């Protein structure tokens, strides 16, 4: 892991600088959640206001069952940027888990109004639309 190289190899210069965010994403992708969380926290230390890092931390918290921490992290992102689509999406589904349907509906609507128009996001957009339709009985659009 690149983290250990950075910690123990004092000769590493800027060209060997670790991209903690990328490392965290890779670790998250292979199910190494605690290691990913460490990498994301190091990335956040380098860029304390980076919303992408904070959202990845929230996703990681969710995967390891720390849903309260995930909710708090998503809310922190939304305090900084009320239009952060990913935070609305993640928070909506955490709220649904807690039975807070009305609040979740508001976050799903916010997500859909800010959703990125890129192919990678379409799966999430469709999921949010279906979920919102289920919550409203299909009687309301976005």
N, C-alpha and C. Protein backbone atom coordinates (compact mmCIF):
# COMPACT_ATOMS: atom_id res chain seq x y z
N UNK A 1 0.84 -1.17 0.00
CA UNK A 1 0.00 0.00 0.00
C UNK A 1 0.88 1.23 0.00
N UNK A 2 0.51 2.19 -0.79
CA UNK A 2 1.30 3.41 -0.95
C UNK A 2 1.45 4.17 0.35
N UNK A 3 0.47 4.07 1.22
CA UNK A 3 0.53 4.76 2.51
C UNK A 3 1.78 4.36 3.28
N UNK A 4 2.07 3.09 3.32
CA UNK A 4 3.24 2.62 4.05
C UNK A 4 4.54 3.10 3.42
N UNK A 5 4.56 3.17 2.10
CA UNK A 5 5.74 3.69 1.42
C UNK A 5 5.98 5.14 1.85
N UNK A 6 4.91 5.91 1.89
CA UNK A 6 5.05 7.32 2.27
C UNK A 6 5.49 7.45 3.73
N UNK A 7 4.95 6.61 4.59
CA UNK A 7 5.28 6.69 6.01
C UNK A 7 6.72 6.29 6.30
N UNK A 8 7.21 5.30 5.59
CA UNK A 8 8.51 4.74 5.95
C UNK A 8 9.65 5.09 5.00
N UNK A 9 9.34 5.61 3.84
CA UNK A 9 10.39 5.97 2.90
C UNK A 9 10.59 7.48 2.92
N UNK A 10 11.51 7.94 3.72
CA UNK A 10 11.77 9.37 3.88
C UNK A 10 12.37 9.99 2.62
N UNK A 11 12.86 9.18 1.70
CA UNK A 11 13.48 9.73 0.50
C UNK A 11 12.45 10.05 -0.58
N UNK A 12 11.19 9.69 -0.36
CA UNK A 12 10.17 9.93 -1.37
C UNK A 12 9.92 11.42 -1.53
N UNK A 13 9.99 11.88 -2.77
CA UNK A 13 9.76 13.30 -3.05
C UNK A 13 8.35 13.51 -3.54
N UNK A 14 8.08 14.71 -4.04
CA UNK A 14 6.75 15.04 -4.53
C UNK A 14 6.30 14.12 -5.66
N UNK A 15 7.25 13.66 -6.48
CA UNK A 15 6.86 12.79 -7.59
C UNK A 15 6.32 11.45 -7.09
N UNK A 16 6.64 11.09 -5.87
CA UNK A 16 6.14 9.85 -5.28
C UNK A 16 5.00 10.12 -4.30
N UNK A 17 4.49 11.33 -4.33
CA UNK A 17 3.44 11.71 -3.41
C UNK A 17 2.23 10.79 -3.58
N UNK A 18 1.66 10.37 -2.50
CA UNK A 18 0.55 9.44 -2.52
C UNK A 18 -0.75 10.19 -2.82
N UNK A 19 -1.54 9.65 -3.73
CA UNK A 19 -2.88 10.17 -4.00
C UNK A 19 -3.83 9.37 -3.11
N UNK A 20 -4.04 9.91 -1.90
CA UNK A 20 -4.84 9.19 -0.91
C UNK A 20 -6.28 8.98 -1.36
N UNK A 21 -6.81 9.94 -2.08
CA UNK A 21 -8.19 9.80 -2.58
C UNK A 21 -8.30 8.60 -3.51
N UNK A 22 -7.42 8.55 -4.52
CA UNK A 22 -7.44 7.45 -5.48
C UNK A 22 -7.22 6.11 -4.76
N UNK A 23 -6.28 6.12 -3.82
CA UNK A 23 -6.00 4.92 -3.05
C UNK A 23 -7.25 4.48 -2.28
N UNK A 24 -7.94 5.44 -1.68
CA UNK A 24 -9.16 5.12 -0.93
C UNK A 24 -10.24 4.53 -1.83
N UNK A 25 -10.41 5.10 -3.01
CA UNK A 25 -11.40 4.59 -3.95
C UNK A 25 -11.07 3.16 -4.35
N UNK A 26 -9.79 2.90 -4.61
CA UNK A 26 -9.38 1.54 -4.98
C UNK A 26 -9.63 0.57 -3.83
N UNK A 27 -9.29 0.96 -2.62
CA UNK A 27 -9.51 0.09 -1.47
C UNK A 27 -11.00 -0.15 -1.22
N UNK A 28 -11.79 0.89 -1.36
CA UNK A 28 -13.24 0.76 -1.20
C UNK A 28 -13.79 -0.23 -2.22
N UNK A 29 -13.28 -0.15 -3.44
CA UNK A 29 -13.73 -1.02 -4.51
C UNK A 29 -13.47 -2.49 -4.28
N UNK A 30 -12.46 -2.81 -3.47
CA UNK A 30 -12.16 -4.22 -3.19
C UNK A 30 -12.59 -4.64 -1.79
N UNK A 31 -13.40 -3.78 -1.14
CA UNK A 31 -13.97 -4.15 0.14
C UNK A 31 -13.07 -3.97 1.34
N UNK A 32 -11.98 -3.24 1.20
CA UNK A 32 -11.09 -2.97 2.33
C UNK A 32 -11.51 -1.64 2.95
N UNK A 33 -12.64 -1.68 3.65
CA UNK A 33 -13.30 -0.46 4.10
C UNK A 33 -12.51 0.32 5.15
N UNK A 34 -11.96 -0.36 6.11
CA UNK A 34 -11.21 0.36 7.15
C UNK A 34 -9.94 1.00 6.57
N UNK A 35 -9.29 0.30 5.66
CA UNK A 35 -8.11 0.86 5.02
C UNK A 35 -8.50 2.05 4.13
N UNK A 36 -9.64 1.91 3.44
CA UNK A 36 -10.13 3.01 2.60
C UNK A 36 -10.43 4.23 3.46
N UNK A 37 -11.04 4.01 4.60
CA UNK A 37 -11.36 5.12 5.49
C UNK A 37 -10.09 5.84 5.93
N UNK A 38 -9.05 5.09 6.22
CA UNK A 38 -7.77 5.70 6.59
C UNK A 38 -7.23 6.57 5.44
N UNK A 39 -7.28 6.04 4.23
CA UNK A 39 -6.80 6.81 3.08
C UNK A 39 -7.63 8.06 2.86
N UNK A 40 -8.95 7.94 2.97
CA UNK A 40 -9.80 9.11 2.78
C UNK A 40 -9.56 10.16 3.87
N UNK A 41 -9.33 9.72 5.08
CA UNK A 41 -9.04 10.68 6.15
C UNK A 41 -7.72 11.41 5.88
N UNK A 42 -6.74 10.70 5.36
CA UNK A 42 -5.47 11.35 5.00
C UNK A 42 -5.68 12.32 3.84
N UNK A 43 -6.53 11.96 2.89
CA UNK A 43 -6.84 12.87 1.79
C UNK A 43 -7.54 14.11 2.31
N UNK A 44 -8.42 13.94 3.27
CA UNK A 44 -9.15 15.07 3.85
C UNK A 44 -8.20 15.98 4.63
N UNK A 45 -7.19 15.40 5.24
CA UNK A 45 -6.19 16.20 5.95
C UNK A 45 -5.47 17.14 4.97
N UNK A 46 -5.22 16.64 3.77
CA UNK A 46 -4.54 17.46 2.75
C UNK A 46 -5.47 18.49 2.13
N UNK A 47 -6.76 18.20 2.10
CA UNK A 47 -7.74 19.11 1.49
C UNK A 47 -9.01 19.10 2.35
N UNK A 48 -9.00 19.81 3.47
CA UNK A 48 -10.08 19.72 4.46
C UNK A 48 -11.49 20.05 3.96
N UNK A 49 -11.62 20.78 2.89
CA UNK A 49 -12.96 21.13 2.43
C UNK A 49 -13.38 20.36 1.17
N UNK A 50 -12.66 19.32 0.84
CA UNK A 50 -12.94 18.56 -0.38
C UNK A 50 -14.20 17.71 -0.18
N UNK A 51 -15.27 18.13 -0.85
CA UNK A 51 -16.55 17.44 -0.69
C UNK A 51 -16.55 16.03 -1.26
N UNK A 52 -15.79 15.80 -2.31
CA UNK A 52 -15.72 14.46 -2.89
C UNK A 52 -15.12 13.48 -1.88
N UNK A 53 -14.10 13.92 -1.17
CA UNK A 53 -13.49 13.07 -0.14
C UNK A 53 -14.49 12.81 0.98
N UNK A 54 -15.18 13.87 1.40
CA UNK A 54 -16.15 13.71 2.49
C UNK A 54 -17.27 12.74 2.09
N UNK A 55 -17.71 12.82 0.84
CA UNK A 55 -18.75 11.91 0.40
C UNK A 55 -18.25 10.46 0.35
N UNK A 56 -17.01 10.27 -0.04
CA UNK A 56 -16.44 8.92 -0.03
C UNK A 56 -16.32 8.39 1.40
N UNK A 57 -16.00 9.27 2.33
CA UNK A 57 -15.96 8.87 3.74
C UNK A 57 -17.36 8.42 4.17
N UNK A 58 -18.38 9.17 3.80
CA UNK A 58 -19.75 8.80 4.16
C UNK A 58 -20.14 7.46 3.55
N UNK A 59 -19.76 7.23 2.30
CA UNK A 59 -20.04 5.94 1.65
C UNK A 59 -19.35 4.82 2.41
N UNK A 60 -18.12 5.05 2.79
CA UNK A 60 -17.36 4.04 3.53
C UNK A 60 -18.00 3.76 4.88
N UNK A 61 -18.37 4.82 5.59
CA UNK A 61 -19.08 4.63 6.87
C UNK A 61 -20.34 3.78 6.67
N UNK A 62 -21.06 4.04 5.62
CA UNK A 62 -22.28 3.28 5.35
C UNK A 62 -21.95 1.81 5.14
N UNK A 63 -20.91 1.54 4.38
CA UNK A 63 -20.55 0.14 4.08
C UNK A 63 -20.12 -0.64 5.32
N UNK A 64 -19.56 0.06 6.31
CA UNK A 64 -19.13 -0.66 7.51
C UNK A 64 -20.17 -0.56 8.62
N UNK A 65 -21.34 -0.03 8.29
CA UNK A 65 -22.44 0.00 9.25
C UNK A 65 -22.45 1.18 10.20
N UNK A 66 -21.63 2.16 9.95
CA UNK A 66 -21.58 3.36 10.81
C UNK A 66 -22.51 4.42 10.20
N UNK A 67 -23.82 4.13 10.20
CA UNK A 67 -24.76 4.98 9.49
C UNK A 67 -24.96 6.35 10.14
N UNK A 68 -24.84 6.44 11.44
CA UNK A 68 -24.94 7.76 12.08
C UNK A 68 -23.82 8.67 11.62
N UNK A 69 -22.61 8.13 11.57
CA UNK A 69 -21.47 8.91 11.12
C UNK A 69 -21.62 9.28 9.64
N UNK A 70 -22.16 8.35 8.86
CA UNK A 70 -22.39 8.63 7.45
C UNK A 70 -23.38 9.78 7.29
N UNK A 71 -24.48 9.73 8.04
CA UNK A 71 -25.47 10.81 7.97
C UNK A 71 -24.87 12.15 8.36
N UNK A 72 -24.10 12.15 9.43
CA UNK A 72 -23.46 13.40 9.87
C UNK A 72 -22.52 13.93 8.79
N UNK A 73 -21.80 13.05 8.15
CA UNK A 73 -20.86 13.48 7.12
C UNK A 73 -21.60 14.04 5.91
N UNK A 74 -22.67 13.37 5.49
CA UNK A 74 -23.47 13.90 4.38
C UNK A 74 -24.04 15.27 4.74
N UNK A 75 -24.52 15.41 5.97
CA UNK A 75 -25.08 16.70 6.39
C UNK A 75 -24.01 17.80 6.41
N UNK A 76 -22.80 17.44 6.79
CA UNK A 76 -21.70 18.41 6.76
C UNK A 76 -21.44 18.88 5.33
N UNK A 77 -21.46 17.95 4.39
CA UNK A 77 -21.28 18.31 2.99
C UNK A 77 -22.39 19.26 2.55
N UNK A 78 -23.63 18.96 2.94
CA UNK A 78 -24.76 19.79 2.54
C UNK A 78 -24.74 21.17 3.20
N UNK A 79 -24.14 21.26 4.38
CA UNK A 79 -23.98 22.58 5.01
C UNK A 79 -23.04 23.45 4.18
N UNK A 80 -22.05 22.83 3.58
CA UNK A 80 -21.09 23.56 2.76
C UNK A 80 -21.62 23.84 1.36
N UNK A 81 -22.43 22.91 0.85
CA UNK A 81 -22.98 23.06 -0.50
C UNK A 81 -24.34 22.37 -0.55
N UNK A 82 -25.39 23.15 -0.47
CA UNK A 82 -26.74 22.58 -0.44
C UNK A 82 -27.12 21.89 -1.74
N UNK A 83 -26.32 22.06 -2.78
CA UNK A 83 -26.60 21.45 -4.09
C UNK A 83 -25.77 20.19 -4.34
N UNK A 84 -25.10 19.67 -3.35
CA UNK A 84 -24.25 18.48 -3.51
C UNK A 84 -25.14 17.25 -3.74
N UNK A 85 -25.30 16.91 -5.00
CA UNK A 85 -26.23 15.84 -5.38
C UNK A 85 -25.92 14.51 -4.70
N UNK A 86 -24.65 14.14 -4.67
CA UNK A 86 -24.28 12.86 -4.06
C UNK A 86 -24.63 12.78 -2.59
N UNK A 87 -24.50 13.88 -1.89
CA UNK A 87 -24.84 13.89 -0.46
C UNK A 87 -26.35 13.74 -0.28
N UNK A 88 -27.13 14.39 -1.15
CA UNK A 88 -28.59 14.23 -1.07
C UNK A 88 -28.98 12.78 -1.33
N UNK A 89 -28.35 12.17 -2.30
CA UNK A 89 -28.65 10.79 -2.66
C UNK A 89 -28.35 9.85 -1.50
N UNK A 90 -27.12 9.93 -0.99
CA UNK A 90 -26.73 9.04 0.10
C UNK A 90 -27.57 9.25 1.35
N UNK A 91 -27.81 10.49 1.70
CA UNK A 91 -28.61 10.78 2.89
C UNK A 91 -30.04 10.31 2.73
N UNK A 92 -30.61 10.44 1.54
CA UNK A 92 -31.98 9.99 1.30
C UNK A 92 -32.14 8.51 1.66
N UNK A 93 -31.22 7.70 1.22
CA UNK A 93 -31.36 6.27 1.46
C UNK A 93 -31.06 5.89 2.91
N UNK A 94 -30.22 6.64 3.57
CA UNK A 94 -30.02 6.42 5.01
C UNK A 94 -31.28 6.79 5.78
N UNK A 95 -31.92 7.86 5.38
CA UNK A 95 -33.17 8.28 6.03
C UNK A 95 -34.27 7.24 5.80
N UNK A 96 -34.33 6.69 4.61
CA UNK A 96 -35.32 5.65 4.34
C UNK A 96 -35.11 4.44 5.24
N UNK A 97 -33.86 4.08 5.47
CA UNK A 97 -33.56 2.96 6.39
C UNK A 97 -34.12 3.22 7.78
N UNK A 98 -34.12 4.50 8.16
CA UNK A 98 -34.60 4.89 9.48
C UNK A 98 -36.10 5.16 9.49
N UNK A 99 -36.78 4.95 8.36
CA UNK A 99 -38.22 5.16 8.30
C UNK A 99 -38.63 6.63 8.19
N UNK A 100 -37.71 7.48 7.84
CA UNK A 100 -37.98 8.92 7.73
C UNK A 100 -38.28 9.26 6.27
N UNK A 101 -39.43 8.78 5.83
CA UNK A 101 -39.82 8.85 4.42
C UNK A 101 -39.96 10.27 3.90
N UNK A 102 -40.59 11.14 4.67
CA UNK A 102 -40.83 12.50 4.20
C UNK A 102 -39.52 13.26 3.98
N UNK A 103 -38.62 13.12 4.94
CA UNK A 103 -37.32 13.78 4.82
C UNK A 103 -36.52 13.18 3.66
N UNK A 104 -36.59 11.87 3.51
CA UNK A 104 -35.91 11.19 2.41
C UNK A 104 -36.45 11.67 1.07
N UNK A 105 -37.76 11.85 0.99
CA UNK A 105 -38.37 12.32 -0.25
C UNK A 105 -37.79 13.68 -0.66
N UNK A 106 -37.63 14.57 0.30
CA UNK A 106 -37.05 15.88 0.00
C UNK A 106 -35.64 15.77 -0.55
N UNK A 107 -34.85 14.86 0.01
CA UNK A 107 -33.47 14.69 -0.47
C UNK A 107 -33.44 14.01 -1.84
N UNK A 108 -34.38 13.10 -2.09
CA UNK A 108 -34.45 12.50 -3.43
C UNK A 108 -34.80 13.56 -4.48
N UNK A 109 -35.73 14.43 -4.14
CA UNK A 109 -36.10 15.51 -5.06
C UNK A 109 -34.89 16.44 -5.31
N UNK A 110 -34.18 16.75 -4.23
CA UNK A 110 -33.01 17.61 -4.37
C UNK A 110 -31.94 16.94 -5.23
N UNK A 111 -31.73 15.66 -5.02
CA UNK A 111 -30.77 14.92 -5.85
C UNK A 111 -31.17 14.99 -7.31
N UNK A 112 -32.44 14.68 -7.59
CA UNK A 112 -32.89 14.63 -8.98
C UNK A 112 -32.82 16.00 -9.65
N UNK A 113 -32.98 17.05 -8.89
CA UNK A 113 -32.89 18.39 -9.48
C UNK A 113 -31.44 18.80 -9.75
N UNK A 114 -30.49 18.14 -9.08
CA UNK A 114 -29.07 18.47 -9.23
C UNK A 114 -28.25 17.34 -9.85
N UNK A 115 -28.91 16.25 -10.20
CA UNK A 115 -28.19 15.05 -10.66
C UNK A 115 -27.31 15.33 -11.87
N UNK A 116 -26.11 14.79 -11.85
CA UNK A 116 -25.22 14.98 -13.01
C UNK A 116 -25.78 14.26 -14.22
N UNK A 117 -25.60 14.87 -15.38
CA UNK A 117 -26.10 14.31 -16.63
C UNK A 117 -24.97 13.58 -17.35
N UNK A 118 -24.49 12.53 -16.72
CA UNK A 118 -23.41 11.73 -17.31
C UNK A 118 -23.82 10.26 -17.24
N UNK A 119 -23.37 9.46 -18.17
CA UNK A 119 -23.78 8.05 -18.21
C UNK A 119 -23.53 7.30 -16.88
N UNK A 120 -22.44 7.62 -16.19
CA UNK A 120 -22.12 6.91 -14.95
C UNK A 120 -23.16 7.15 -13.86
N UNK A 121 -23.88 8.25 -13.94
CA UNK A 121 -24.85 8.60 -12.90
C UNK A 121 -26.25 8.06 -13.19
N UNK A 122 -26.50 7.60 -14.40
CA UNK A 122 -27.85 7.23 -14.79
C UNK A 122 -28.45 6.13 -13.93
N UNK A 123 -27.64 5.19 -13.51
CA UNK A 123 -28.15 4.11 -12.65
C UNK A 123 -28.70 4.69 -11.35
N UNK A 124 -28.00 5.67 -10.79
CA UNK A 124 -28.43 6.29 -9.54
C UNK A 124 -29.66 7.17 -9.76
N UNK A 125 -29.69 7.86 -10.88
CA UNK A 125 -30.85 8.70 -11.21
C UNK A 125 -32.10 7.85 -11.34
N UNK A 126 -31.99 6.75 -12.05
CA UNK A 126 -33.15 5.85 -12.22
C UNK A 126 -33.57 5.25 -10.88
N UNK A 127 -32.62 4.88 -10.06
CA UNK A 127 -32.93 4.34 -8.74
C UNK A 127 -33.67 5.37 -7.90
N UNK A 128 -33.19 6.60 -7.93
CA UNK A 128 -33.84 7.68 -7.18
C UNK A 128 -35.26 7.93 -7.71
N UNK A 129 -35.43 7.93 -9.01
CA UNK A 129 -36.77 8.13 -9.60
C UNK A 129 -37.74 7.03 -9.19
N UNK A 130 -37.28 5.79 -9.28
CA UNK A 130 -38.15 4.66 -8.88
C UNK A 130 -38.51 4.75 -7.40
N UNK A 131 -37.52 5.08 -6.58
CA UNK A 131 -37.77 5.17 -5.14
C UNK A 131 -38.74 6.30 -4.83
N UNK A 132 -38.56 7.45 -5.48
CA UNK A 132 -39.47 8.58 -5.27
C UNK A 132 -40.88 8.21 -5.73
N UNK A 133 -40.99 7.53 -6.85
CA UNK A 133 -42.31 7.09 -7.34
C UNK A 133 -42.95 6.15 -6.34
N UNK A 134 -42.18 5.25 -5.76
CA UNK A 134 -42.71 4.33 -4.74
C UNK A 134 -43.19 5.10 -3.51
N UNK A 135 -42.42 6.11 -3.10
CA UNK A 135 -42.78 6.89 -1.92
C UNK A 135 -44.05 7.71 -2.13
N UNK A 136 -44.23 8.19 -3.35
CA UNK A 136 -45.37 9.07 -3.63
C UNK A 136 -46.53 8.32 -4.28
N UNK A 137 -46.39 7.02 -4.43
CA UNK A 137 -47.43 6.24 -5.09
C UNK A 137 -47.53 6.54 -6.57
N UNK A 138 -46.46 7.08 -7.13
CA UNK A 138 -46.42 7.38 -8.54
C UNK A 138 -47.27 8.58 -8.94
N UNK A 139 -47.81 9.29 -7.96
CA UNK A 139 -48.73 10.40 -8.26
C UNK A 139 -48.03 11.73 -8.45
N UNK A 140 -46.73 11.78 -8.10
CA UNK A 140 -46.01 13.05 -8.22
C UNK A 140 -44.73 12.85 -9.02
N UNK A 141 -44.41 13.83 -9.81
CA UNK A 141 -43.14 13.83 -10.53
C UNK A 141 -42.10 14.58 -9.71
N UNK A 142 -40.96 14.79 -10.32
CA UNK A 142 -39.88 15.50 -9.64
C UNK A 142 -40.18 16.97 -9.59
